[in-house]
Amino acid sequence: MTKVIAIVNQKGGVAKTTTAINVGAGLAKHGKRVLLIDLDGQGNLSRGLGCKAKGRSQYTIRDALINIQMGIPTALDKGILKARFDPVCVMPCSKQIDAFALSLKEDPNRHVYLRRYVNTVRQYFDYILIDCSPSLGVMTQNALVAADSVMIPVDPEFFGTDGVEQIIATMTDVQSQMKMRTAFCRLVL
């Protein structure tokens, strides 16, 4: 069964992307099929794995989410790239994800598009890791809804752990908005 892990913290510089890359590489080294989804418009995960979006013409996670939102069927492997080291695959991101996130403000289904995408590709992977931007916005909320568990990298300092309460509050808020009866993800510290 595929495990989906969102790597989340609204604070930047706490090694979310580095964690995603290293956990993904470690899982692949043990023979697991891994998909890394770059959900940060900065595209550092994609760039770090040699899969940076090369322009508006390259298919990215934004395009996949727009297609899902509009009900447009798309090839399951469209946009998924091979990283520098097999068998890690990457769904890259570009700066246009931020404009898409803004467009979802009034969309009643705004929290479920990433989950729908993950559900279409999960059968091909053992692990799907979602690298989130340093925010608790709608894209991070999508990641929380799509994930089975959440990894929260923190700085080992006083202010580094401050945001964990905010993340847990956001998870609870999204859970209640989705009207789920059970926890949608398990917190992994």
Protein backbone atom coordinates (compact mmCIF):
# COMPACT_ATOMS: atom_id res chain seq x y z
CA MET A 1 0.00 0.00 0.00
CA THR A 2 1.35 3.42 -0.98
CA LYS A 3 2.35 5.77 1.81
CA VAL A 4 1.86 9.49 1.21
CA ILE A 5 3.87 11.83 3.41
CA ALA A 6 3.59 15.63 3.42
CA ILE A 7 6.69 17.46 4.57
CA VAL A 8 5.39 20.67 6.14
CA ASN A 9 6.51 23.69 8.11
CA GLN A 10 5.49 27.30 7.53
CA LYS A 11 8.98 28.37 8.55
CA GLY A 12 11.52 28.48 5.75
CA GLY A 13 15.02 27.11 6.07
CA VAL A 14 14.19 24.11 8.25
CA ALA A 15 15.27 21.50 5.66
CA LYS A 16 11.89 20.46 4.23
CA THR A 17 13.32 20.07 0.73
CA THR A 18 16.53 18.45 1.94
CA THR A 19 14.47 16.04 4.02
CA ALA A 20 12.26 15.16 1.04
CA ILE A 21 15.26 14.53 -1.23
CA ASN A 22 17.18 12.46 1.33
CA VAL A 23 14.21 10.41 2.53
CA GLY A 24 13.24 9.78 -1.11
CA ALA A 25 16.78 8.74 -2.03
CA GLY A 26 17.02 6.49 1.02
CA LEU A 27 13.74 4.77 0.20
CA ALA A 28 14.82 4.31 -3.43
CA LYS A 29 18.13 2.83 -2.27
CA HIS A 30 16.06 0.18 -0.48
CA GLY A 31 14.21 -0.70 -3.68
CA LYS A 32 11.10 1.42 -3.17
CA ARG A 33 9.39 3.23 -6.04
CA VAL A 34 9.30 6.89 -5.00
CA LEU A 35 7.50 9.95 -6.34
CA LEU A 36 8.50 13.35 -5.01
CA ILE A 37 5.93 16.09 -5.61
CA ASP A 38 7.33 19.60 -5.57
CA LEU A 39 4.56 21.83 -4.24
CA ASP A 40 6.74 24.89 -3.69
CA GLY A 41 6.81 27.56 -6.40
CA GLN A 42 10.52 28.10 -5.75
CA GLY A 43 11.08 24.68 -7.33
CA ASN A 44 14.09 23.81 -5.18
CA LEU A 45 13.19 20.13 -4.94
CA SER A 46 12.87 19.88 -8.72
CA ARG A 47 16.13 21.78 -9.23
CA GLY A 48 17.93 19.71 -6.61
CA LEU A 49 17.00 16.53 -8.47
CA GLY A 50 17.87 17.89 -11.92
CA CYS A 51 14.20 18.26 -12.92
CA LYS A 52 13.64 22.01 -12.73
CA ALA A 53 10.66 23.28 -14.74
CA LYS A 54 12.17 24.82 -17.85
CA GLY A 55 9.39 27.25 -18.65
CA ARG A 56 5.67 27.64 -19.07
CA SER A 57 5.58 24.90 -21.69
CA GLN A 58 6.73 22.18 -19.29
CA TYR A 59 3.95 20.23 -17.61
CA THR A 60 4.06 20.66 -13.82
CA ILE A 61 1.96 19.80 -10.77
CA ARG A 62 0.02 23.02 -11.39
CA ASP A 63 -1.08 21.75 -14.81
CA ALA A 64 -2.08 18.39 -13.35
CA LEU A 65 -4.18 20.11 -10.66
CA ILE A 66 -5.84 22.41 -13.20
CA ASN A 67 -6.75 19.41 -15.35
CA ILE A 68 -8.24 17.66 -12.33
CA GLN A 69 -10.15 20.81 -11.37
CA MET A 70 -11.56 21.07 -14.90
CA GLY A 71 -12.26 17.34 -15.24
CA ILE A 72 -9.79 16.91 -18.12
CA PRO A 73 -8.39 13.36 -18.34
CA THR A 74 -4.61 13.28 -18.54
CA ALA A 75 -2.09 10.50 -19.02
CA LEU A 76 -1.10 9.25 -15.57
CA ASP A 77 2.62 9.68 -16.16
CA LYS A 78 2.37 13.07 -17.85
CA GLY A 79 4.88 15.47 -16.38
CA ILE A 80 6.55 12.93 -14.09
CA LEU A 81 10.30 13.05 -14.64
CA LYS A 82 13.12 10.72 -13.67
CA ALA A 83 15.48 12.25 -11.14
CA ARG A 84 19.23 12.00 -11.43
CA PHE A 85 19.08 8.76 -9.52
CA ASP A 86 16.57 6.04 -10.38
CA PRO A 87 13.98 4.95 -9.32
CA VAL A 88 13.09 8.35 -7.86
CA CYS A 89 10.53 10.26 -9.93
CA VAL A 90 9.63 13.93 -9.62
CA MET A 91 6.52 15.93 -10.43
CA PRO A 92 8.09 19.38 -10.82
CA CYS A 93 6.67 22.74 -9.80
CA SER A 94 6.95 26.25 -11.15
CA LYS A 95 6.15 29.74 -9.93
CA GLN A 96 2.72 29.54 -11.59
CA ILE A 97 1.51 27.33 -8.72
CA ASP A 98 1.09 30.48 -6.63
CA ALA A 99 -1.34 32.04 -9.14
CA PHE A 100 -3.28 28.77 -9.24
CA ALA A 101 -3.49 28.76 -5.45
CA LEU A 102 -4.90 32.29 -5.49
CA SER A 103 -7.50 31.27 -8.07
CA LEU A 104 -8.84 28.63 -5.66
CA LYS A 105 -9.94 31.17 -3.04
CA GLU A 106 -13.68 30.74 -3.71
CA ASP A 107 -13.54 27.13 -4.97
CA PRO A 108 -15.48 24.87 -2.57
CA ASN A 109 -13.30 21.90 -3.61
CA ARG A 110 -10.00 23.78 -3.18
CA HIS A 111 -8.59 21.28 -0.67
CA VAL A 112 -9.06 18.06 -2.64
CA TYR A 113 -7.28 18.50 -5.98
CA LEU A 114 -3.91 17.17 -4.84
CA ARG A 115 -5.59 14.18 -3.17
CA ARG A 116 -7.36 13.40 -6.45
CA TYR A 117 -4.04 13.61 -8.31
CA VAL A 118 -2.28 11.42 -5.75
CA ASN A 119 -5.08 8.86 -6.00
CA THR A 120 -4.54 8.58 -9.78
CA VAL A 121 -0.80 7.84 -9.48
CA ARG A 122 -0.48 6.09 -6.13
CA GLN A 123 -0.73 2.59 -7.58
CA TYR A 124 2.61 3.09 -9.35
CA PHE A 125 4.62 4.09 -6.27
CA ASP A 126 5.43 2.73 -2.85
CA TYR A 127 5.97 6.21 -1.41
CA ILE A 128 4.82 9.67 -2.44
CA LEU A 129 6.57 12.52 -0.64
CA ILE A 130 5.13 16.04 -0.94
CA ASP A 131 7.55 18.92 -0.40
CA CYS A 132 5.49 21.95 0.69
CA SER A 133 6.26 25.65 0.55
CA PRO A 134 6.98 27.58 3.76
CA SER A 135 3.33 28.50 4.26
CA LEU A 136 0.08 27.11 5.59
CA GLY A 137 -1.83 28.24 2.48
CA VAL A 138 -4.17 26.30 0.22
CA MET A 139 -1.44 24.21 -1.44
CA THR A 140 -0.11 23.06 1.94
CA GLN A 141 -3.69 22.35 2.99
CA ASN A 142 -4.04 20.23 -0.18
CA ALA A 143 -0.94 18.32 0.89
CA LEU A 144 -2.39 17.73 4.36
CA VAL A 145 -5.59 16.35 2.85
CA ALA A 146 -3.67 14.12 0.40
CA ALA A 147 -1.24 12.74 2.99
CA ASP A 148 -1.47 9.69 5.20
CA SER A 149 1.12 11.21 7.52
CA VAL A 150 2.95 14.47 8.05
CA MET A 151 6.61 15.09 8.73
CA ILE A 152 7.45 18.45 10.33
CA PRO A 153 11.16 19.29 10.20
CA VAL A 154 12.05 21.85 12.88
CA ASP A 155 15.10 23.80 13.95
CA PRO A 156 16.38 22.58 17.32
CA GLU A 157 15.90 26.00 18.85
CA PHE A 158 13.20 27.75 20.86
CA PHE A 159 11.50 29.57 17.97
CA GLY A 160 11.87 26.58 15.65
CA THR A 161 9.25 24.60 17.53
CA ASP A 162 6.86 27.55 17.83
CA GLY A 163 5.18 26.84 14.48
CA VAL A 164 4.34 23.21 15.24
CA GLU A 165 1.26 24.36 17.17
CA GLN A 166 0.13 26.39 14.15
CA ILE A 167 0.58 23.41 11.83
CA ILE A 168 -1.44 21.16 14.14
CA ALA A 169 -4.16 23.85 14.34
CA THR A 170 -4.20 24.06 10.53
CA MET A 171 -4.44 20.28 10.25
CA THR A 172 -7.39 20.30 12.66
CA ASP A 173 -9.05 23.16 10.77
CA VAL A 174 -8.67 21.45 7.38
CA GLN A 175 -9.91 18.20 8.88
CA SER A 176 -13.07 19.87 10.20
CA GLN A 177 -13.59 21.67 6.87
CA MET A 178 -13.38 18.35 5.08
CA LYS A 179 -15.88 16.92 7.61
CA MET A 180 -13.86 13.76 8.05
CA ARG A 181 -14.77 11.42 10.89
CA THR A 182 -11.25 10.15 11.48
CA ALA A 183 -7.88 11.81 11.37
CA PHE A 184 -6.77 12.26 7.79
CA CYS A 185 -3.13 11.96 8.61
CA ARG A 186 -0.78 10.84 11.33
CA LEU A 187 1.69 13.29 12.74
CA VAL A 188 5.31 12.14 12.55
CA LEU A 189 7.79 14.19 14.58
